Amino acid sequence: MTPDEVDHGLTLDELVEALLDTRERIIQLREHEQFLVSEIHDAAPSRKTETTFGLVEVSKRRNRRWDHDEVTKHVVARALDERVVNADTGEVEPSWVAVARALRECAGIGYWRVNALRDRGLDPDEFAETTSEARSVRIL
């Protein structure tokens, strides 16, 4: 069945209107959720509190604006100083191995820039498994 064959009983305008209305309600619910979270933080006597609904744990997350270039330079410099020497052979590990290990240990890389990998002749599909896909609609 193609999208033209879908019998949903609504016009495109009606669907878009419903989507916009839903997004507005989601915004309102998120605002209410943040209000409740703030109130719970203020009311909780400790970090972990047992309630009739179960254990409630409150925590704070700090957002940081990193100077990525500076952190990278320092991590790389330290990694080069910390290169591992094989006790049996006396060989020093290659620089790139030490740098790669330090970056994996210090950086929380959650994604790779697909176009930048392609620009370097690397196929992103060789390094990743697609676990899900999501559709989106932008209304401009």
N, C-alpha and C. Protein backbone atom coordinates (compact mmCIF):
# COMPACT_ATOMS: atom_id res chain seq x y z
N MET A 1 0.84 -1.16 0.00
CA MET A 1 0.00 0.00 0.00
C MET A 1 0.90 1.24 0.00
N THR A 2 0.69 2.15 -0.90
CA THR A 2 1.48 3.39 -0.97
C THR A 2 0.85 4.45 -0.09
N PRO A 3 1.62 5.55 0.21
CA PRO A 3 1.03 6.62 1.03
C PRO A 3 -0.25 7.20 0.42
N ASP A 4 -0.37 7.19 -0.92
CA ASP A 4 -1.58 7.70 -1.55
C ASP A 4 -2.78 6.80 -1.30
N GLU A 5 -2.50 5.53 -1.00
CA GLU A 5 -3.59 4.57 -0.80
C GLU A 5 -4.05 4.49 0.65
N VAL A 6 -3.31 5.13 1.57
CA VAL A 6 -3.68 5.07 2.97
C VAL A 6 -5.01 5.78 3.17
N ASP A 7 -5.95 5.09 3.79
CA ASP A 7 -7.27 5.67 4.04
C ASP A 7 -7.37 6.03 5.51
N HIS A 8 -6.92 7.22 5.85
CA HIS A 8 -6.94 7.66 7.24
C HIS A 8 -8.09 8.61 7.50
N GLY A 9 -8.75 9.06 6.46
CA GLY A 9 -9.91 9.91 6.62
C GLY A 9 -9.60 11.37 6.92
N LEU A 10 -8.33 11.76 6.94
CA LEU A 10 -7.95 13.13 7.23
C LEU A 10 -7.18 13.71 6.05
N THR A 11 -7.34 15.00 5.84
CA THR A 11 -6.57 15.67 4.79
C THR A 11 -5.17 15.96 5.32
N LEU A 12 -4.26 16.31 4.44
CA LEU A 12 -2.91 16.67 4.86
C LEU A 12 -2.95 17.86 5.81
N ASP A 13 -3.75 18.86 5.52
CA ASP A 13 -3.87 20.02 6.41
C ASP A 13 -4.35 19.60 7.80
N GLU A 14 -5.31 18.69 7.86
CA GLU A 14 -5.82 18.24 9.15
C GLU A 14 -4.74 17.46 9.92
N LEU A 15 -3.97 16.66 9.19
CA LEU A 15 -2.88 15.92 9.83
C LEU A 15 -1.82 16.87 10.36
N VAL A 16 -1.45 17.88 9.58
CA VAL A 16 -0.44 18.85 10.02
C VAL A 16 -0.95 19.63 11.22
N GLU A 17 -2.21 20.03 11.20
CA GLU A 17 -2.81 20.74 12.33
C GLU A 17 -2.76 19.87 13.59
N ALA A 18 -3.08 18.60 13.45
CA ALA A 18 -3.04 17.68 14.59
C ALA A 18 -1.61 17.51 15.11
N LEU A 19 -0.65 17.46 14.20
CA LEU A 19 0.76 17.34 14.61
C LEU A 19 1.20 18.58 15.38
N LEU A 20 0.85 19.76 14.87
CA LEU A 20 1.21 21.00 15.56
C LEU A 20 0.57 21.07 16.94
N ASP A 21 -0.68 20.66 17.04
CA ASP A 21 -1.38 20.65 18.32
C ASP A 21 -0.71 19.68 19.29
N THR A 22 -0.35 18.52 18.81
CA THR A 22 0.33 17.52 19.64
C THR A 22 1.66 18.05 20.14
N ARG A 23 2.42 18.69 19.26
CA ARG A 23 3.72 19.23 19.67
C ARG A 23 3.54 20.31 20.73
N GLU A 24 2.52 21.12 20.63
CA GLU A 24 2.25 22.15 21.65
C GLU A 24 1.92 21.51 22.99
N ARG A 25 1.10 20.45 22.97
CA ARG A 25 0.77 19.75 24.22
C ARG A 25 2.01 19.10 24.83
N ILE A 26 2.90 18.58 23.98
CA ILE A 26 4.15 17.98 24.47
C ILE A 26 4.99 19.05 25.17
N ILE A 27 5.07 20.24 24.59
CA ILE A 27 5.82 21.34 25.22
C ILE A 27 5.24 21.64 26.60
N GLN A 28 3.91 21.72 26.68
CA GLN A 28 3.26 22.01 27.95
C GLN A 28 3.53 20.91 28.98
N LEU A 29 3.48 19.66 28.54
CA LEU A 29 3.76 18.55 29.45
C LEU A 29 5.21 18.56 29.92
N ARG A 30 6.15 18.89 29.03
CA ARG A 30 7.57 18.97 29.43
C ARG A 30 7.78 20.07 30.46
N GLU A 31 7.13 21.21 30.25
CA GLU A 31 7.23 22.30 31.23
C GLU A 31 6.68 21.86 32.58
N HIS A 32 5.55 21.17 32.57
CA HIS A 32 4.97 20.68 33.82
C HIS A 32 5.90 19.65 34.47
N GLU A 33 6.47 18.79 33.67
CA GLU A 33 7.41 17.79 34.19
C GLU A 33 8.59 18.48 34.87
N GLN A 34 9.16 19.51 34.24
CA GLN A 34 10.29 20.22 34.83
C GLN A 34 9.90 20.89 36.14
N PHE A 35 8.69 21.43 36.21
CA PHE A 35 8.19 22.01 37.45
C PHE A 35 8.16 20.94 38.55
N LEU A 36 7.59 19.77 38.24
CA LEU A 36 7.50 18.70 39.23
C LEU A 36 8.87 18.21 39.66
N VAL A 37 9.79 18.08 38.73
CA VAL A 37 11.15 17.64 39.05
C VAL A 37 11.79 18.64 40.03
N SER A 38 11.63 19.92 39.75
CA SER A 38 12.19 20.95 40.63
C SER A 38 11.58 20.87 42.03
N GLU A 39 10.27 20.69 42.09
CA GLU A 39 9.59 20.58 43.38
C GLU A 39 10.06 19.34 44.15
N ILE A 40 10.22 18.23 43.45
CA ILE A 40 10.69 17.00 44.11
C ILE A 40 12.10 17.19 44.64
N HIS A 41 12.97 17.86 43.87
CA HIS A 41 14.33 18.15 44.34
C HIS A 41 14.27 18.93 45.65
N ASP A 42 13.39 19.93 45.69
CA ASP A 42 13.28 20.76 46.89
C ASP A 42 12.69 19.98 48.07
N ALA A 43 11.79 19.05 47.80
CA ALA A 43 11.09 18.33 48.86
C ALA A 43 11.84 17.10 49.36
N ALA A 44 12.71 16.54 48.55
CA ALA A 44 13.40 15.29 48.92
C ALA A 44 14.36 15.55 50.08
N PRO A 45 14.24 14.77 51.15
CA PRO A 45 15.11 14.98 52.31
C PRO A 45 16.55 14.50 52.09
N SER A 46 16.74 13.62 51.13
CA SER A 46 18.09 13.12 50.83
C SER A 46 18.15 12.70 49.36
N ARG A 47 19.35 12.32 48.95
CA ARG A 47 19.56 11.94 47.55
C ARG A 47 18.68 10.75 47.15
N LYS A 48 18.54 9.81 48.07
CA LYS A 48 17.68 8.64 47.85
C LYS A 48 16.64 8.59 48.96
N THR A 49 15.37 8.50 48.54
CA THR A 49 14.28 8.50 49.52
C THR A 49 13.26 7.45 49.11
N GLU A 50 12.87 6.64 50.07
CA GLU A 50 11.84 5.62 49.82
C GLU A 50 10.47 6.29 49.90
N THR A 51 9.63 6.04 48.88
CA THR A 51 8.27 6.57 48.87
C THR A 51 7.30 5.41 48.66
N THR A 52 6.02 5.69 48.70
CA THR A 52 5.03 4.64 48.45
C THR A 52 5.09 4.17 46.99
N PHE A 53 5.74 4.95 46.13
CA PHE A 53 5.85 4.59 44.71
C PHE A 53 7.17 3.91 44.39
N GLY A 54 8.04 3.78 45.39
CA GLY A 54 9.34 3.17 45.19
C GLY A 54 10.44 4.13 45.60
N LEU A 55 11.66 3.73 45.36
CA LEU A 55 12.83 4.54 45.71
C LEU A 55 12.94 5.70 44.73
N VAL A 56 13.02 6.91 45.28
CA VAL A 56 13.17 8.12 44.45
C VAL A 56 14.59 8.62 44.66
N GLU A 57 15.30 8.80 43.56
CA GLU A 57 16.66 9.31 43.61
C GLU A 57 16.72 10.63 42.85
N VAL A 58 17.22 11.65 43.49
CA VAL A 58 17.37 12.95 42.84
C VAL A 58 18.85 13.17 42.55
N SER A 59 19.13 13.79 41.41
CA SER A 59 20.51 14.10 41.06
C SER A 59 20.53 15.33 40.18
N LYS A 60 21.69 15.93 40.09
CA LYS A 60 21.88 17.11 39.24
C LYS A 60 22.92 16.78 38.19
N ARG A 61 22.68 17.27 37.01
CA ARG A 61 23.63 17.09 35.91
C ARG A 61 24.16 18.47 35.54
N ARG A 62 25.46 18.55 35.36
CA ARG A 62 26.05 19.81 34.94
C ARG A 62 26.38 19.74 33.46
N ASN A 63 25.97 20.74 32.75
CA ASN A 63 26.35 20.86 31.35
C ASN A 63 27.63 21.67 31.28
N ARG A 64 28.53 21.24 30.42
CA ARG A 64 29.81 21.93 30.27
C ARG A 64 30.00 22.33 28.82
N ARG A 65 30.66 23.44 28.65
CA ARG A 65 31.08 23.86 27.31
C ARG A 65 32.59 23.59 27.24
N TRP A 66 32.94 22.52 26.55
CA TRP A 66 34.32 22.06 26.49
C TRP A 66 35.13 22.85 25.47
N ASP A 67 36.40 23.04 25.78
CA ASP A 67 37.37 23.54 24.81
C ASP A 67 38.01 22.27 24.23
N HIS A 68 37.34 21.69 23.24
CA HIS A 68 37.74 20.38 22.70
C HIS A 68 39.17 20.38 22.17
N ASP A 69 39.56 21.44 21.52
CA ASP A 69 40.92 21.49 20.97
C ASP A 69 41.97 21.40 22.08
N GLU A 70 41.78 22.16 23.15
CA GLU A 70 42.74 22.14 24.25
C GLU A 70 42.76 20.79 24.96
N VAL A 71 41.58 20.25 25.24
CA VAL A 71 41.53 18.95 25.91
C VAL A 71 42.21 17.89 25.05
N THR A 72 41.92 17.90 23.75
CA THR A 72 42.52 16.91 22.85
C THR A 72 44.04 17.01 22.85
N LYS A 73 44.57 18.24 22.76
CA LYS A 73 46.03 18.43 22.77
C LYS A 73 46.64 17.86 24.04
N HIS A 74 46.02 18.14 25.18
CA HIS A 74 46.57 17.67 26.45
C HIS A 74 46.47 16.15 26.60
N VAL A 75 45.36 15.58 26.18
CA VAL A 75 45.20 14.12 26.26
C VAL A 75 46.22 13.44 25.37
N VAL A 76 46.41 13.96 24.16
CA VAL A 76 47.38 13.37 23.23
C VAL A 76 48.79 13.49 23.80
N ALA A 77 49.13 14.66 24.34
CA ALA A 77 50.48 14.85 24.91
C ALA A 77 50.73 13.87 26.05
N ARG A 78 49.74 13.73 26.93
CA ARG A 78 49.90 12.79 28.05
C ARG A 78 50.00 11.35 27.54
N ALA A 79 49.20 11.03 26.54
CA ALA A 79 49.22 9.67 25.99
C ALA A 79 50.59 9.32 25.44
N LEU A 80 51.21 10.27 24.78
CA LEU A 80 52.54 10.02 24.22
C LEU A 80 53.57 9.79 25.33
N ASP A 81 53.38 10.47 26.47
CA ASP A 81 54.28 10.28 27.62
C ASP A 81 54.02 8.96 28.32
N GLU A 82 52.83 8.39 28.14
CA GLU A 82 52.43 7.18 28.85
C GLU A 82 52.50 5.93 27.98
N ARG A 83 53.22 6.00 26.87
CA ARG A 83 53.28 4.85 25.98
C ARG A 83 53.81 3.63 26.73
N VAL A 84 53.20 2.49 26.44
CA VAL A 84 53.51 1.25 27.15
C VAL A 84 54.75 0.59 26.52
N VAL A 85 55.62 0.12 27.40
CA VAL A 85 56.81 -0.60 26.97
C VAL A 85 56.60 -2.08 27.27
N ASN A 86 56.78 -2.93 26.25
CA ASN A 86 56.65 -4.37 26.43
C ASN A 86 57.81 -4.84 27.29
N ALA A 87 57.50 -5.41 28.46
CA ALA A 87 58.53 -5.82 29.40
C ALA A 87 59.43 -6.92 28.84
N ASP A 88 58.88 -7.76 27.97
CA ASP A 88 59.67 -8.87 27.43
C ASP A 88 60.60 -8.43 26.31
N THR A 89 60.10 -7.59 25.41
CA THR A 89 60.87 -7.22 24.22
C THR A 89 61.52 -5.84 24.33
N GLY A 90 61.02 -5.01 25.24
CA GLY A 90 61.54 -3.65 25.36
C GLY A 90 61.00 -2.71 24.29
N GLU A 91 60.08 -3.21 23.46
CA GLU A 91 59.52 -2.37 22.40
C GLU A 91 58.50 -1.42 22.99
N VAL A 92 58.53 -0.19 22.46
CA VAL A 92 57.56 0.82 22.87
C VAL A 92 56.41 0.77 21.88
N GLU A 93 55.17 0.81 22.42
CA GLU A 93 54.01 0.75 21.53
C GLU A 93 54.01 1.95 20.59
N PRO A 94 53.44 1.78 19.41
CA PRO A 94 53.36 2.90 18.46
C PRO A 94 52.57 4.07 19.05
N SER A 95 52.93 5.27 18.65
CA SER A 95 52.27 6.48 19.15
C SER A 95 50.77 6.43 18.94
N TRP A 96 50.34 5.98 17.77
CA TRP A 96 48.91 5.99 17.46
C TRP A 96 48.13 5.08 18.38
N VAL A 97 48.74 3.99 18.86
CA VAL A 97 48.07 3.06 19.77
C VAL A 97 47.82 3.75 21.11
N ALA A 98 48.83 4.46 21.61
CA ALA A 98 48.70 5.17 22.88
C ALA A 98 47.65 6.27 22.78
N VAL A 99 47.67 7.00 21.68
CA VAL A 99 46.71 8.10 21.48
C VAL A 99 45.30 7.55 21.37
N ALA A 100 45.12 6.50 20.59
CA ALA A 100 43.79 5.90 20.41
C ALA A 100 43.25 5.40 21.74
N ARG A 101 44.09 4.75 22.54
CA ARG A 101 43.66 4.25 23.85
C ARG A 101 43.24 5.41 24.76
N ALA A 102 44.05 6.46 24.80
CA ALA A 102 43.73 7.60 25.66
C ALA A 102 42.43 8.27 25.24
N LEU A 103 42.22 8.42 23.94
CA LEU A 103 40.98 9.05 23.46
C LEU A 103 39.77 8.19 23.81
N ARG A 104 39.90 6.87 23.66
CA ARG A 104 38.78 5.98 24.02
C ARG A 104 38.48 6.06 25.51
N GLU A 105 39.53 6.18 26.33
CA GLU A 105 39.33 6.22 27.78
C GLU A 105 38.77 7.57 28.25
N CYS A 106 39.14 8.66 27.57
CA CYS A 106 38.80 10.00 28.06
C CYS A 106 37.61 10.65 27.36
N ALA A 107 37.31 10.23 26.15
CA ALA A 107 36.23 10.87 25.39
C ALA A 107 35.03 9.94 25.32
N GLY A 108 33.86 10.49 25.56
CA GLY A 108 32.62 9.71 25.44
C GLY A 108 32.06 9.89 24.05
N ILE A 109 32.67 9.26 23.09
CA ILE A 109 32.24 9.43 21.70
C ILE A 109 30.96 8.63 21.49
N GLY A 110 29.88 9.35 21.21
CA GLY A 110 28.59 8.70 21.00
C GLY A 110 28.24 8.55 19.53
N TYR A 111 28.96 9.25 18.69
CA TYR A 111 28.69 9.16 17.26
C TYR A 111 29.93 9.60 16.50
N TRP A 112 29.96 9.28 15.24
CA TRP A 112 31.04 9.71 14.34
C TRP A 112 30.42 10.53 13.22
N ARG A 113 31.14 11.49 12.73
CA ARG A 113 30.66 12.34 11.64
C ARG A 113 30.81 11.56 10.33
N VAL A 114 29.67 11.16 9.80
CA VAL A 114 29.62 10.28 8.65
C VAL A 114 30.29 10.92 7.43
N ASN A 115 29.99 12.17 7.15
CA ASN A 115 30.59 12.81 5.97
C ASN A 115 32.09 13.00 6.13
N ALA A 116 32.55 13.30 7.34
CA ALA A 116 33.99 13.44 7.56
C ALA A 116 34.71 12.11 7.35
N LEU A 117 34.08 11.01 7.78
CA LEU A 117 34.67 9.69 7.53
C LEU A 117 34.74 9.42 6.03
N ARG A 118 33.65 9.72 5.33
CA ARG A 118 33.63 9.51 3.87
C ARG A 118 34.70 10.35 3.19
N ASP A 119 34.88 11.60 3.66
CA ASP A 119 35.89 12.49 3.08
C ASP A 119 37.29 11.90 3.22
N ARG A 120 37.47 11.03 4.20
CA ARG A 120 38.77 10.38 4.42
C ARG A 120 38.83 9.00 3.79
N GLY A 121 37.83 8.70 2.96
CA GLY A 121 37.82 7.43 2.25
C GLY A 121 37.37 6.25 3.09
N LEU A 122 36.70 6.52 4.19
CA LEU A 122 36.21 5.44 5.06
C LEU A 122 34.71 5.30 4.88
N ASP A 123 34.26 4.07 4.80
CA ASP A 123 32.83 3.78 4.66
C ASP A 123 32.23 3.60 6.05
N PRO A 124 31.36 4.52 6.48
CA PRO A 124 30.79 4.42 7.82
C PRO A 124 30.08 3.10 8.08
N ASP A 125 29.50 2.50 7.06
CA ASP A 125 28.78 1.24 7.23
C ASP A 125 29.70 0.09 7.64
N GLU A 126 31.01 0.25 7.42
CA GLU A 126 31.95 -0.78 7.84
C GLU A 126 32.19 -0.76 9.34
N PHE A 127 31.82 0.35 10.00
CA PHE A 127 32.13 0.52 11.40
C PHE A 127 30.89 0.60 12.30
N ALA A 128 29.71 0.53 11.70
CA ALA A 128 28.49 0.73 12.49
C ALA A 128 27.38 -0.19 12.02
N GLU A 129 26.52 -0.51 12.94
CA GLU A 129 25.33 -1.29 12.66
C GLU A 129 24.13 -0.38 12.89
N THR A 130 23.24 -0.29 11.94
CA THR A 130 22.03 0.51 12.10
C THR A 130 21.09 -0.23 13.03
N THR A 131 20.78 0.39 14.16
CA THR A 131 19.92 -0.26 15.15
C THR A 131 18.49 0.24 15.10
N SER A 132 18.29 1.42 14.55
CA SER A 132 16.94 1.94 14.41
C SER A 132 16.94 3.09 13.42
N GLU A 133 15.78 3.42 12.95
CA GLU A 133 15.60 4.56 12.07
C GLU A 133 14.40 5.34 12.59
N ALA A 134 14.41 6.63 12.35
CA ALA A 134 13.29 7.45 12.79
C ALA A 134 12.89 8.38 11.66
N ARG A 135 11.61 8.55 11.51
CA ARG A 135 11.08 9.49 10.52
C ARG A 135 10.83 10.82 11.21
N SER A 136 10.89 11.89 10.46
CA SER A 136 10.61 13.19 11.05
C SER A 136 9.84 14.04 10.06
N VAL A 137 9.18 15.05 10.59
CA VAL A 137 8.46 16.03 9.75
C VAL A 137 8.86 17.39 10.27
N ARG A 138 9.36 18.23 9.37
CA ARG A 138 9.65 19.62 9.71
C ARG A 138 8.60 20.51 9.06
N ILE A 139 8.06 21.40 9.82
CA ILE A 139 7.08 22.34 9.28
C ILE A 139 7.74 23.71 9.36
N LEU A 140 8.01 24.26 8.18
CA LEU A 140 8.74 25.52 8.12
C LEU A 140 7.83 26.70 7.88
